[in-house]
């Protein structure tokens, strides 16, 4: 099984999970390929980020949704289409958790794989 973070970026966020305030989120588009199948999922991971240097990600506030799962392999065209819907899908996951992602307040540049 090969798992690649097609996209990852940190943003300021607002969330309380398990009684702990979370001030940041890691947003990911993950590609997993295995045995001739490809799966893409969006994931949001809310973490405390108590100061500018705190990027200790706690995985208890992890929410994900499979966007695509079918026979095949990675496709730049498909990934571009999925990236276009990433904010919408991540916002839906955040809303279900009672959280907000501040897209206009990134905590660094996007990383692409």
C-alpha atoms as a PDB file:
ATOM      1  CA  UNK A   1       0.000   0.000   0.000  1.00  0.00           C
ATOM      2  CA  UNK A   2       1.336   3.402  -0.980  1.00  0.00           C
ATOM      3  CA  UNK A   3      -0.059   6.497   0.700  1.00  0.00           C
ATOM      4  CA  UNK A   4       0.832   9.984  -0.520  1.00  0.00           C
ATOM      5  CA  UNK A   5      -0.270  13.366   0.762  1.00  0.00           C
ATOM      6  CA  UNK A   6      -1.237  14.973  -2.537  1.00  0.00           C
ATOM      7  CA  UNK A   7      -1.897  18.221  -0.657  1.00  0.00           C
ATOM      8  CA  UNK A   8      -1.316  19.391   2.913  1.00  0.00           C
ATOM      9  CA  UNK A   9      -1.594  22.810   4.463  1.00  0.00           C
ATOM     10  CA  UNK A  10      -2.079  24.224   7.956  1.00  0.00           C
ATOM     11  CA  UNK A  11      -4.626  26.945   8.737  1.00  0.00           C
ATOM     12  CA  UNK A  12      -5.909  28.738  11.779  1.00  0.00           C
ATOM     13  CA  UNK A  13      -9.161  27.186  12.958  1.00  0.00           C
ATOM     14  CA  UNK A  14     -11.635  27.179  15.793  1.00  0.00           C
ATOM     15  CA  UNK A  15     -12.734  23.911  17.370  1.00  0.00           C
ATOM     16  CA  UNK A  16     -13.244  22.326  20.764  1.00  0.00           C
ATOM     17  CA  UNK A  17     -12.928  18.560  20.813  1.00  0.00           C
ATOM     18  CA  UNK A  18     -12.783  16.310  23.876  1.00  0.00           C
ATOM     19  CA  UNK A  19     -12.904  19.473  25.976  1.00  0.00           C
ATOM     20  CA  UNK A  20      -9.681  20.826  24.438  1.00  0.00           C
ATOM     21  CA  UNK A  21      -9.705  24.052  22.413  1.00  0.00           C
ATOM     22  CA  UNK A  22      -8.084  23.635  18.972  1.00  0.00           C
ATOM     23  CA  UNK A  23      -6.725  26.695  17.187  1.00  0.00           C
ATOM     24  CA  UNK A  24      -5.356  25.134  13.990  1.00  0.00           C
ATOM     25  CA  UNK A  25      -6.094  22.457  11.419  1.00  0.00           C
ATOM     26  CA  UNK A  26      -4.102  20.359   8.996  1.00  0.00           C
ATOM     27  CA  UNK A  27      -6.038  19.891   5.746  1.00  0.00           C
ATOM     28  CA  UNK A  28      -4.998  16.980   3.538  1.00  0.00           C
ATOM     29  CA  UNK A  29      -5.874  15.275   0.279  1.00  0.00           C
ATOM     30  CA  UNK A  30      -4.541  11.725   0.640  1.00  0.00           C
ATOM     31  CA  UNK A  31      -4.016   9.253  -2.186  1.00  0.00           C
ATOM     32  CA  UNK A  32      -3.827   5.547  -1.363  1.00  0.00           C
ATOM     33  CA  UNK A  33      -3.013   2.967  -4.021  1.00  0.00           C
ATOM     34  CA  UNK A  34      -3.051  -0.769  -3.496  1.00  0.00           C
ATOM     35  CA  UNK A  35      -3.611  -3.809  -5.699  1.00  0.00           C
ATOM     36  CA  UNK A  36      -4.658  -1.782  -8.744  1.00  0.00           C
ATOM     37  CA  UNK A  37      -7.076   0.479  -6.841  1.00  0.00           C
ATOM     38  CA  UNK A  38      -6.800   4.169  -6.105  1.00  0.00           C
ATOM     39  CA  UNK A  39      -8.553   5.997  -3.289  1.00  0.00           C
ATOM     40  CA  UNK A  40      -8.588   9.695  -2.495  1.00  0.00           C
ATOM     41  CA  UNK A  41      -9.806  11.110   0.774  1.00  0.00           C
ATOM     42  CA  UNK A  42      -9.948  14.527   2.349  1.00  0.00           C
ATOM     43  CA  UNK A  43      -8.904  14.756   5.987  1.00  0.00           C
ATOM     44  CA  UNK A  44      -8.948  17.525   8.562  1.00  0.00           C
ATOM     45  CA  UNK A  45      -7.015  17.225  11.808  1.00  0.00           C
ATOM     46  CA  UNK A  46      -7.671  19.878  14.444  1.00  0.00           C
ATOM     47  CA  UNK A  47      -4.889  20.459  16.961  1.00  0.00           C
ATOM     48  CA  UNK A  48      -4.219  22.872  19.880  1.00  0.00           C
ATOM     49  CA  UNK A  49      -1.579  25.220  18.330  1.00  0.00           C
ATOM     50  CA  UNK A  50      -1.221  27.125  21.595  1.00  0.00           C
ATOM     51  CA  UNK A  51       1.613  29.312  20.264  1.00  0.00           C
ATOM     52  CA  UNK A  52       3.299  30.089  16.954  1.00  0.00           C
ATOM     53  CA  UNK A  53       5.772  27.205  17.349  1.00  0.00           C
ATOM     54  CA  UNK A  54       3.234  24.567  18.473  1.00  0.00           C
ATOM     55  CA  UNK A  55       2.572  22.158  15.617  1.00  0.00           C
ATOM     56  CA  UNK A  56       2.120  19.069  17.808  1.00  0.00           C
ATOM     57  CA  UNK A  57      -0.767  17.372  16.016  1.00  0.00           C
ATOM     58  CA  UNK A  58      -3.068  15.316  18.221  1.00  0.00           C
ATOM     59  CA  UNK A  59      -4.953  12.755  16.168  1.00  0.00           C
ATOM     60  CA  UNK A  60      -8.060  12.552  18.344  1.00  0.00           C
ATOM     61  CA  UNK A  61      -9.785  15.280  16.310  1.00  0.00           C
ATOM     62  CA  UNK A  62      -9.305  13.573  12.928  1.00  0.00           C
ATOM     63  CA  UNK A  63     -12.167  13.579  10.432  1.00  0.00           C
ATOM     64  CA  UNK A  64     -12.063  12.216   6.897  1.00  0.00           C
ATOM     65  CA  UNK A  65     -14.212  11.413   3.898  1.00  0.00           C
ATOM     66  CA  UNK A  66     -13.468   9.209   0.894  1.00  0.00           C
ATOM     67  CA  UNK A  67     -13.936  11.247  -2.291  1.00  0.00           C
ATOM     68  CA  UNK A  68     -13.001   8.623  -4.881  1.00  0.00           C
ATOM     69  CA  UNK A  69     -12.377   4.865  -4.753  1.00  0.00           C
ATOM     70  CA  UNK A  70     -12.082   2.802  -7.944  1.00  0.00           C
ATOM     71  CA  UNK A  71      -9.775   0.587  -9.974  1.00  0.00           C
ATOM     72  CA  UNK A  72      -6.937   2.569 -11.527  1.00  0.00           C
ATOM     73  CA  UNK A  73      -3.978   4.699 -10.587  1.00  0.00           C
ATOM     74  CA  UNK A  74      -3.113   8.290  -9.740  1.00  0.00           C
ATOM     75  CA  UNK A  75      -4.239  10.895 -12.245  1.00  0.00           C
ATOM     76  CA  UNK A  76      -3.146  14.542 -12.322  1.00  0.00           C
ATOM     77  CA  UNK A  77      -6.462  15.483 -13.950  1.00  0.00           C
ATOM     78  CA  UNK A  78      -8.487  13.722 -11.222  1.00  0.00           C
ATOM     79  CA  UNK A  79      -6.321  15.265  -8.505  1.00  0.00           C
ATOM     80  CA  UNK A  80      -6.855  18.745  -9.977  1.00  0.00           C
ATOM     81  CA  UNK A  81     -10.623  18.161  -9.935  1.00  0.00           C
ATOM     82  CA  UNK A  82     -10.516  16.927  -6.334  1.00  0.00           C
ATOM     83  CA  UNK A  83      -8.414  19.908  -5.258  1.00  0.00           C
ATOM     84  CA  UNK A  84     -11.106  22.203  -6.666  1.00  0.00           C
ATOM     85  CA  UNK A  85     -13.635  20.703  -4.238  1.00  0.00           C
ATOM     86  CA  UNK A  86     -11.231  20.339  -1.303  1.00  0.00           C
ATOM     87  CA  UNK A  87     -12.295  23.487   0.587  1.00  0.00           C
ATOM     88  CA  UNK A  88     -15.972  22.616   0.273  1.00  0.00           C
ATOM     89  CA  UNK A  89     -15.408  19.031   1.475  1.00  0.00           C
ATOM     90  CA  UNK A  90     -13.128  20.140   4.333  1.00  0.00           C
ATOM     91  CA  UNK A  91     -15.664  22.775   5.407  1.00  0.00           C
ATOM     92  CA  UNK A  92     -18.381  20.108   5.529  1.00  0.00           C
ATOM     93  CA  UNK A  93     -16.205  17.890   7.747  1.00  0.00           C
ATOM     94  CA  UNK A  94     -15.389  20.861   9.963  1.00  0.00           C
ATOM     95  CA  UNK A  95     -19.044  21.898  10.266  1.00  0.00           C
ATOM     96  CA  UNK A  96     -20.014  18.361  11.298  1.00  0.00           C
ATOM     97  CA  UNK A  97     -17.436  18.640  14.097  1.00  0.00           C
ATOM     98  CA  UNK A  98     -18.665  22.105  15.125  1.00  0.00           C
ATOM     99  CA  UNK A  99     -15.480  23.693  13.821  1.00  0.00           C
ATOM    100  CA  UNK A 100     -14.432  26.474  11.459  1.00  0.00           C
ATOM    101  CA  UNK A 101     -11.421  26.638   9.139  1.00  0.00           C
ATOM    102  CA  UNK A 102     -10.032  30.102   8.437  1.00  0.00           C
ATOM    103  CA  UNK A 103      -8.885  29.644   4.833  1.00  0.00           C
ATOM    104  CA  UNK A 104      -7.602  33.210   4.648  1.00  0.00           C
ATOM    105  CA  UNK A 105      -5.162  32.542   7.540  1.00  0.00           C
ATOM    106  CA  UNK A 106      -2.687  29.862   6.418  1.00  0.00           C
ATOM    107  CA  UNK A 107       0.098  28.855   8.781  1.00  0.00           C
ATOM    108  CA  UNK A 108       2.556  28.197   5.968  1.00  0.00           C
ATOM    109  CA  UNK A 109       2.643  27.260   2.321  1.00  0.00           C
ATOM    110  CA  UNK A 110       0.841  24.274   0.849  1.00  0.00           C
ATOM    111  CA  UNK A 111       2.852  21.098   0.363  1.00  0.00           C
ATOM    112  CA  UNK A 112       2.150  18.915  -2.662  1.00  0.00           C
ATOM    113  CA  UNK A 113       3.183  15.324  -3.196  1.00  0.00           C
END
